Amino acid sequence: MKNTLGDLNNHLFAQLERLNDEDLTSEELEKEINRAKSVSQVSQQIISNGSLVLEANKLADDRMSADTKLPKMLGGDR
């Protein structure tokens, strides 16, 4: 199982290559377009989640010098 943003990037480029395959029939191309839409939607969620984790870590770092409390869902005690 691949779980890094680098792997995600590789999957996105692989999908782009499949979309550029000139040997695809109209039906196959339509299937690839639908797959690409799904891959894109999931990718956006993964990227959004990564951004949230990054922001939470930044806030946690800032918290060391300030009295900011993180919500429980982000690992805090509130």
PDB file of N, CA and C in Angstrom:
ATOM      1  N   MET A   1       0.848  -1.178   0.000  1.00  0.00           N
ATOM      2  CA  MET A   1       0.000   0.000   0.000  1.00  0.00           C
ATOM      3  C   MET A   1       0.896   1.244   0.000  1.00  0.00           C
ATOM      4  N   LYS A   2       0.550   2.216  -0.803  1.00  0.00           N
ATOM      5  CA  LYS A   2       1.344   3.435  -0.919  1.00  0.00           C
ATOM      6  C   LYS A   2       0.637   4.563  -0.173  1.00  0.00           C
ATOM      7  N   ASN A   3       1.413   5.263   0.673  1.00  0.00           N
ATOM      8  CA  ASN A   3       0.774   6.231   1.553  1.00  0.00           C
ATOM      9  C   ASN A   3       1.489   7.566   1.659  1.00  0.00           C
ATOM     10  N   THR A   4       2.334   7.923   0.736  1.00  0.00           N
ATOM     11  CA  THR A   4       3.021   9.203   0.843  1.00  0.00           C
ATOM     12  C   THR A   4       2.500  10.164  -0.218  1.00  0.00           C
ATOM     13  N   LEU A   5       2.768  11.449  -0.018  1.00  0.00           N
ATOM     14  CA  LEU A   5       2.370  12.434  -1.031  1.00  0.00           C
ATOM     15  C   LEU A   5       3.154  12.221  -2.322  1.00  0.00           C
ATOM     16  N   GLY A   6       4.362  11.710  -2.223  1.00  0.00           N
ATOM     17  CA  GLY A   6       5.130  11.366  -3.424  1.00  0.00           C
ATOM     18  C   GLY A   6       4.442  10.266  -4.211  1.00  0.00           C
ATOM     19  N   ASP A   7       3.914   9.270  -3.496  1.00  0.00           N
ATOM     20  CA  ASP A   7       3.175   8.193  -4.156  1.00  0.00           C
ATOM     21  C   ASP A   7       1.899   8.722  -4.794  1.00  0.00           C
ATOM     22  N   LEU A   8       1.233   9.638  -4.099  1.00  0.00           N
ATOM     23  CA  LEU A   8       0.031  10.262  -4.659  1.00  0.00           C
ATOM     24  C   LEU A   8       0.375  10.976  -5.962  1.00  0.00           C
ATOM     25  N   ASN A   9       1.475  11.702  -5.951  1.00  0.00           N
ATOM     26  CA  ASN A   9       1.917  12.402  -7.148  1.00  0.00           C
ATOM     27  C   ASN A   9       2.155  11.414  -8.294  1.00  0.00           C
ATOM     28  N   ASN A  10       2.780  10.276  -7.991  1.00  0.00           N
ATOM     29  CA  ASN A  10       3.012   9.253  -9.016  1.00  0.00           C
ATOM     30  C   ASN A  10       1.698   8.708  -9.567  1.00  0.00           C
ATOM     31  N   HIS A  11       0.719   8.486  -8.692  1.00  0.00           N
ATOM     32  CA  HIS A  11      -0.595   7.997  -9.135  1.00  0.00           C
ATOM     33  C   HIS A  11      -1.271   9.020 -10.052  1.00  0.00           C
ATOM     34  N   LEU A  12      -1.148  10.291  -9.700  1.00  0.00           N
ATOM     35  CA  LEU A  12      -1.778  11.331 -10.525  1.00  0.00           C
ATOM     36  C   LEU A  12      -1.145  11.394 -11.914  1.00  0.00           C
ATOM     37  N   PHE A  13       0.182  11.282 -11.979  1.00  0.00           N
ATOM     38  CA  PHE A  13       0.830  11.283 -13.291  1.00  0.00           C
ATOM     39  C   PHE A  13       0.505  10.025 -14.085  1.00  0.00           C
ATOM     40  N   ALA A  14       0.379   8.891 -13.404  1.00  0.00           N
ATOM     41  CA  ALA A  14      -0.016   7.657 -14.096  1.00  0.00           C
ATOM     42  C   ALA A  14      -1.418   7.810 -14.682  1.00  0.00           C
ATOM     43  N   GLN A  15      -2.313   8.437 -13.915  1.00  0.00           N
ATOM     44  CA  GLN A  15      -3.668   8.662 -14.414  1.00  0.00           C
ATOM     45  C   GLN A  15      -3.639   9.576 -15.633  1.00  0.00           C
ATOM     46  N   LEU A  16      -2.816  10.606 -15.577  1.00  0.00           N
ATOM     47  CA  LEU A  16      -2.681  11.515 -16.719  1.00  0.00           C
ATOM     48  C   LEU A  16      -2.184  10.773 -17.957  1.00  0.00           C
ATOM     49  N   GLU A  17      -1.238   9.868 -17.764  1.00  0.00           N
ATOM     50  CA  GLU A  17      -0.738   9.070 -18.896  1.00  0.00           C
ATOM     51  C   GLU A  17      -1.842   8.194 -19.477  1.00  0.00           C
ATOM     52  N   ARG A  18      -2.680   7.612 -18.594  1.00  0.00           N
ATOM     53  CA  ARG A  18      -3.788   6.788 -19.112  1.00  0.00           C
ATOM     54  C   ARG A  18      -4.769   7.646 -19.908  1.00  0.00           C
ATOM     55  N   LEU A  19      -5.001   8.855 -19.454  1.00  0.00           N
ATOM     56  CA  LEU A  19      -5.915   9.744 -20.191  1.00  0.00           C
ATOM     57  C   LEU A  19      -5.345  10.152 -21.546  1.00  0.00           C
ATOM     58  N   ASN A  20      -4.032  10.191 -21.653  1.00  0.00           N
ATOM     59  CA  ASN A  20      -3.380  10.586 -22.905  1.00  0.00           C
ATOM     60  C   ASN A  20      -3.163   9.429 -23.868  1.00  0.00           C
ATOM     61  N   ASP A  21      -3.583   8.230 -23.506  1.00  0.00           N
ATOM     62  CA  ASP A  21      -3.412   7.059 -24.357  1.00  0.00           C
ATOM     63  C   ASP A  21      -4.290   7.208 -25.600  1.00  0.00           C
ATOM     64  N   GLU A  22      -3.662   7.408 -26.732  1.00  0.00           N
ATOM     65  CA  GLU A  22      -4.406   7.634 -27.982  1.00  0.00           C
ATOM     66  C   GLU A  22      -5.060   6.368 -28.530  1.00  0.00           C
ATOM     67  N   ASP A  23      -4.717   5.212 -27.963  1.00  0.00           N
ATOM     68  CA  ASP A  23      -5.296   3.957 -28.429  1.00  0.00           C
ATOM     69  C   ASP A  23      -6.607   3.607 -27.731  1.00  0.00           C
ATOM     70  N   LEU A  24      -7.035   4.432 -26.790  1.00  0.00           N
ATOM     71  CA  LEU A  24      -8.279   4.153 -26.078  1.00  0.00           C
ATOM     72  C   LEU A  24      -9.484   4.349 -26.985  1.00  0.00           C
ATOM     73  N   THR A  25     -10.443   3.448 -26.853  1.00  0.00           N
ATOM     74  CA  THR A  25     -11.709   3.637 -27.550  1.00  0.00           C
ATOM     75  C   THR A  25     -12.492   4.721 -26.805  1.00  0.00           C
ATOM     76  N   SER A  26     -13.564   5.191 -27.391  1.00  0.00           N
ATOM     77  CA  SER A  26     -14.405   6.196 -26.734  1.00  0.00           C
ATOM     78  C   SER A  26     -14.914   5.684 -25.398  1.00  0.00           C
ATOM     79  N   GLU A  27     -15.315   4.415 -25.364  1.00  0.00           N
ATOM     80  CA  GLU A  27     -15.828   3.819 -24.132  1.00  0.00           C
ATOM     81  C   GLU A  27     -14.726   3.734 -23.070  1.00  0.00           C
ATOM     82  N   GLU A  28     -13.541   3.303 -23.471  1.00  0.00           N
ATOM     83  CA  GLU A  28     -12.421   3.209 -22.531  1.00  0.00           C
ATOM     84  C   GLU A  28     -12.017   4.591 -22.017  1.00  0.00           C
ATOM     85  N   LEU A  29     -12.032   5.568 -22.908  1.00  0.00           N
ATOM     86  CA  LEU A  29     -11.694   6.932 -22.510  1.00  0.00           C
ATOM     87  C   LEU A  29     -12.704   7.468 -21.504  1.00  0.00           C
ATOM     88  N   GLU A  30     -13.967   7.192 -21.733  1.00  0.00           N
ATOM     89  CA  GLU A  30     -15.005   7.630 -20.796  1.00  0.00           C
ATOM     90  C   GLU A  30     -14.786   7.001 -19.415  1.00  0.00           C
ATOM     91  N   LYS A  31     -14.424   5.709 -19.392  1.00  0.00           N
ATOM     92  CA  LYS A  31     -14.137   5.045 -18.116  1.00  0.00           C
ATOM     93  C   LYS A  31     -12.941   5.702 -17.422  1.00  0.00           C
ATOM     94  N   GLU A  32     -11.906   6.039 -18.189  1.00  0.00           N
ATOM     95  CA  GLU A  32     -10.726   6.677 -17.612  1.00  0.00           C
ATOM     96  C   GLU A  32     -11.045   8.076 -17.097  1.00  0.00           C
ATOM     97  N   ILE A  33     -11.902   8.784 -17.800  1.00  0.00           N
ATOM     98  CA  ILE A  33     -12.311  10.118 -17.344  1.00  0.00           C
ATOM     99  C   ILE A  33     -13.051  10.005 -16.020  1.00  0.00           C
ATOM    100  N   ASN A  34     -13.950   9.043 -15.913  1.00  0.00           N
ATOM    101  CA  ASN A  34     -14.680   8.832 -14.652  1.00  0.00           C
ATOM    102  C   ASN A  34     -13.725   8.432 -13.534  1.00  0.00           C
ATOM    103  N   ARG A  35     -12.768   7.568 -13.863  1.00  0.00           N
ATOM    104  CA  ARG A  35     -11.777   7.169 -12.868  1.00  0.00           C
ATOM    105  C   ARG A  35     -10.942   8.382 -12.455  1.00  0.00           C
ATOM    106  N   ALA A  36     -10.549   9.201 -13.413  1.00  0.00           N
ATOM    107  CA  ALA A  36      -9.737  10.385 -13.123  1.00  0.00           C
ATOM    108  C   ALA A  36     -10.484  11.355 -12.203  1.00  0.00           C
ATOM    109  N   LYS A  37     -11.784  11.493 -12.433  1.00  0.00           N
ATOM    110  CA  LYS A  37     -12.579  12.356 -11.554  1.00  0.00           C
ATOM    111  C   LYS A  37     -12.564  11.829 -10.130  1.00  0.00           C
ATOM    112  N   SER A  38     -12.723  10.534  -9.972  1.00  0.00           N
ATOM    113  CA  SER A  38     -12.700   9.926  -8.637  1.00  0.00           C
ATOM    114  C   SER A  38     -11.327  10.071  -7.992  1.00  0.00           C
ATOM    115  N   VAL A  39     -10.289   9.799  -8.750  1.00  0.00           N
ATOM    116  CA  VAL A  39      -8.924   9.938  -8.232  1.00  0.00           C
ATOM    117  C   VAL A  39      -8.671  11.382  -7.804  1.00  0.00           C
ATOM    118  N   SER A  40      -9.135  12.321  -8.600  1.00  0.00           N
ATOM    119  CA  SER A  40      -8.950  13.737  -8.286  1.00  0.00           C
ATOM    120  C   SER A  40      -9.663  14.119  -6.995  1.00  0.00           C
ATOM    121  N   GLN A  41     -10.879  13.642  -6.823  1.00  0.00           N
ATOM    122  CA  GLN A  41     -11.642  13.953  -5.609  1.00  0.00           C
ATOM    123  C   GLN A  41     -10.967  13.383  -4.367  1.00  0.00           C
ATOM    124  N   VAL A  42     -10.536  12.134  -4.443  1.00  0.00           N
ATOM    125  CA  VAL A  42      -9.862  11.517  -3.298  1.00  0.00           C
ATOM    126  C   VAL A  42      -8.538  12.227  -3.033  1.00  0.00           C
ATOM    127  N   SER A  43      -7.824  12.568  -4.088  1.00  0.00           N
ATOM    128  CA  SER A  43      -6.546  13.271  -3.937  1.00  0.00           C
ATOM    129  C   SER A  43      -6.731  14.604  -3.231  1.00  0.00           C
ATOM    130  N   GLN A  44      -7.767  15.327  -3.586  1.00  0.00           N
ATOM    131  CA  GLN A  44      -8.029  16.612  -2.930  1.00  0.00           C
ATOM    132  C   GLN A  44      -8.284  16.424  -1.443  1.00  0.00           C
ATOM    133  N   GLN A  45      -8.992  15.357  -1.077  1.00  0.00           N
ATOM    134  CA  GLN A  45      -9.242  15.091   0.337  1.00  0.00           C
ATOM    135  C   GLN A  45      -7.946  14.747   1.069  1.00  0.00           C
ATOM    136  N   ILE A  46      -7.088  13.971   0.429  1.00  0.00           N
ATOM    137  CA  ILE A  46      -5.800  13.617   1.036  1.00  0.00           C
ATOM    138  C   ILE A  46      -4.955  14.866   1.240  1.00  0.00           C
ATOM    139  N   ILE A  47      -4.918  15.731   0.235  1.00  0.00           N
ATOM    140  CA  ILE A  47      -4.142  16.966   0.330  1.00  0.00           C
ATOM    141  C   ILE A  47      -4.727  17.887   1.394  1.00  0.00           C
ATOM    142  N   SER A  48      -6.040  17.995   1.453  1.00  0.00           N
ATOM    143  CA  SER A  48      -6.687  18.819   2.483  1.00  0.00           C
ATOM    144  C   SER A  48      -6.374  18.293   3.881  1.00  0.00           C
ATOM    145  N   ASN A  49      -6.410  16.977   4.034  1.00  0.00           N
ATOM    146  CA  ASN A  49      -6.094  16.379   5.319  1.00  0.00           C
ATOM    147  C   ASN A  49      -4.641  16.660   5.704  1.00  0.00           C
ATOM    148  N   GLY A  50      -3.736  16.536   4.745  1.00  0.00           N
ATOM    149  CA  GLY A  50      -2.333  16.846   4.999  1.00  0.00           C
ATOM    150  C   GLY A  50      -2.143  18.292   5.407  1.00  0.00           C
ATOM    151  N   SER A  51      -2.866  19.188   4.767  1.00  0.00           N
ATOM    152  CA  SER A  51      -2.791  20.608   5.119  1.00  0.00           C
ATOM    153  C   SER A  51      -3.297  20.849   6.527  1.00  0.00           C
ATOM    154  N   LEU A  52      -4.372  20.174   6.908  1.00  0.00           N
ATOM    155  CA  LEU A  52      -4.913  20.303   8.257  1.00  0.00           C
ATOM    156  C   LEU A  52      -3.910  19.823   9.299  1.00  0.00           C
ATOM    157  N   VAL A  53      -3.275  18.682   9.032  1.00  0.00           N
ATOM    158  CA  VAL A  53      -2.276  18.157   9.954  1.00  0.00           C
ATOM    159  C   VAL A  53      -1.104  19.125  10.074  1.00  0.00           C
ATOM    160  N   LEU A  54      -0.668  19.679   8.957  1.00  0.00           N
ATOM    161  CA  LEU A  54       0.431  20.647   8.978  1.00  0.00           C
ATOM    162  C   LEU A  54       0.059  21.870   9.800  1.00  0.00           C
ATOM    163  N   GLU A  55      -1.133  22.407   9.576  1.00  0.00           N
ATOM    164  CA  GLU A  55      -1.585  23.575  10.337  1.00  0.00           C
ATOM    165  C   GLU A  55      -1.715  23.250  11.828  1.00  0.00           C
ATOM    166  N   ALA A  56      -2.204  22.053  12.148  1.00  0.00           N
ATOM    167  CA  ALA A  56      -2.325  21.651  13.551  1.00  0.00           C
ATOM    168  C   ALA A  56      -0.943  21.558  14.201  1.00  0.00           C
ATOM    169  N   ASN A  57       0.024  21.036  13.453  1.00  0.00           N
ATOM    170  CA  ASN A  57       1.386  20.959  13.987  1.00  0.00           C
ATOM    171  C   ASN A  57       1.980  22.346  14.197  1.00  0.00           C
ATOM    172  N   LYS A  58       1.716  23.251  13.267  1.00  0.00           N
ATOM    173  CA  LYS A  58       2.203  24.629  13.423  1.00  0.00           C
ATOM    174  C   LYS A  58       1.582  25.262  14.669  1.00  0.00           C
ATOM    175  N   LEU A  59       0.296  25.043  14.844  1.00  0.00           N
ATOM    176  CA  LEU A  59      -0.393  25.586  16.010  1.00  0.00           C
ATOM    177  C   LEU A  59       0.152  24.976  17.289  1.00  0.00           C
ATOM    178  N   ALA A  60       0.403  23.672  17.252  1.00  0.00           N
ATOM    179  CA  ALA A  60       0.959  22.997  18.426  1.00  0.00           C
ATOM    180  C   ALA A  60       2.342  23.556  18.748  1.00  0.00           C
ATOM    181  N   ASP A  61       3.153  23.839  17.737  1.00  0.00           N
ATOM    182  CA  ASP A  61       4.470  24.439  17.959  1.00  0.00           C
ATOM    183  C   ASP A  61       4.332  25.818  18.580  1.00  0.00           C
ATOM    184  N   ASP A  62       3.391  26.607  18.066  1.00  0.00           N
ATOM    185  CA  ASP A  62       3.156  27.949  18.598  1.00  0.00           C
ATOM    186  C   ASP A  62       2.625  27.878  20.027  1.00  0.00           C
ATOM    187  N   ARG A  63       1.913  26.812  20.309  1.00  0.00           N
ATOM    188  CA  ARG A  63       1.292  26.620  21.622  1.00  0.00           C
ATOM    189  C   ARG A  63       2.344  26.535  22.724  1.00  0.00           C
ATOM    190  N   MET A  64       3.543  26.109  22.373  1.00  0.00           N
ATOM    191  CA  MET A  64       4.601  25.992  23.368  1.00  0.00           C
ATOM    192  C   MET A  64       4.901  27.360  23.988  1.00  0.00           C
ATOM    193  N   SER A  65       4.705  28.435  23.206  1.00  0.00           N
ATOM    194  CA  SER A  65       5.005  29.760  23.727  1.00  0.00           C
ATOM    195  C   SER A  65       3.742  30.536  24.103  1.00  0.00           C
ATOM    196  N   ALA A  66       2.606  30.060  23.663  1.00  0.00           N
ATOM    197  CA  ALA A  66       1.337  30.741  23.973  1.00  0.00           C
ATOM    198  C   ALA A  66       0.410  29.751  24.677  1.00  0.00           C
ATOM    199  N   ASP A  67      -0.675  30.253  25.225  1.00  0.00           N
ATOM    200  CA  ASP A  67      -1.615  29.395  25.949  1.00  0.00           C
ATOM    201  C   ASP A  67      -2.798  29.036  25.060  1.00  0.00           C
ATOM    202  N   THR A  68      -2.521  28.451  23.900  1.00  0.00           N
ATOM    203  CA  THR A  68      -3.553  28.039  22.953  1.00  0.00           C
ATOM    204  C   THR A  68      -3.851  26.560  23.167  1.00  0.00           C
ATOM    205  N   LYS A  69      -5.117  26.205  23.159  1.00  0.00           N
ATOM    206  CA  LYS A  69      -5.498  24.802  23.353  1.00  0.00           C
ATOM    207  C   LYS A  69      -6.084  24.245  22.072  1.00  0.00           C
ATOM    208  N   LEU A  70      -5.581  23.074  21.684  1.00  0.00           N
ATOM    209  CA  LEU A  70      -6.096  22.391  20.504  1.00  0.00           C
ATOM    210  C   LEU A  70      -7.367  21.629  20.848  1.00  0.00           C
ATOM    211  N   PRO A  71      -8.303  21.519  19.901  1.00  0.00           N
ATOM    212  CA  PRO A  71      -9.474  20.657  20.111  1.00  0.00           C
ATOM    213  C   PRO A  71      -9.038  19.193  20.221  1.00  0.00           C
ATOM    214  N   LYS A  72      -9.833  18.373  20.885  1.00  0.00           N
ATOM    215  CA  LYS A  72      -9.496  16.956  21.056  1.00  0.00           C
ATOM    216  C   LYS A  72      -9.244  16.252  19.734  1.00  0.00           C
ATOM    217  N   MET A  73     -10.046  16.562  18.715  1.00  0.00           N
ATOM    218  CA  MET A  73      -9.890  15.852  17.444  1.00  0.00           C
ATOM    219  C   MET A  73      -8.543  16.124  16.789  1.00  0.00           C
ATOM    220  N   LEU A  74      -7.845  17.179  17.236  1.00  0.00           N
ATOM    221  CA  LEU A  74      -6.520  17.486  16.698  1.00  0.00           C
ATOM    222  C   LEU A  74      -5.427  17.159  17.711  1.00  0.00           C
ATOM    223  N   GLY A  75      -5.769  16.376  18.723  1.00  0.00           N
ATOM    224  CA  GLY A  75      -4.777  15.933  19.682  1.00  0.00           C
ATOM    225  C   GLY A  75      -4.656  16.806  20.915  1.00  0.00           C
ATOM    226  N   GLY A  76      -5.556  17.752  21.076  1.00  0.00           N
ATOM    227  CA  GLY A  76      -5.531  18.639  22.238  1.00  0.00           C
ATOM    228  C   GLY A  76      -6.367  18.094  23.382  1.00  0.00           C
ATOM    229  N   ASP A  77      -6.524  18.925  24.397  1.00  0.00           N
ATOM    230  CA  ASP A  77      -7.280  18.471  25.557  1.00  0.00           C
ATOM    231  C   ASP A  77      -8.609  19.188  25.732  1.00  0.00           C
ATOM    232  N   ARG A  78      -9.024  19.970  24.740  1.00  0.00           N
ATOM    233  CA  ARG A  78     -10.310  20.660  24.818  1.00  0.00           C
ATOM    234  C   ARG A  78     -11.380  19.890  24.106  1.00  0.00           C
TER     235      ARG A  78
END
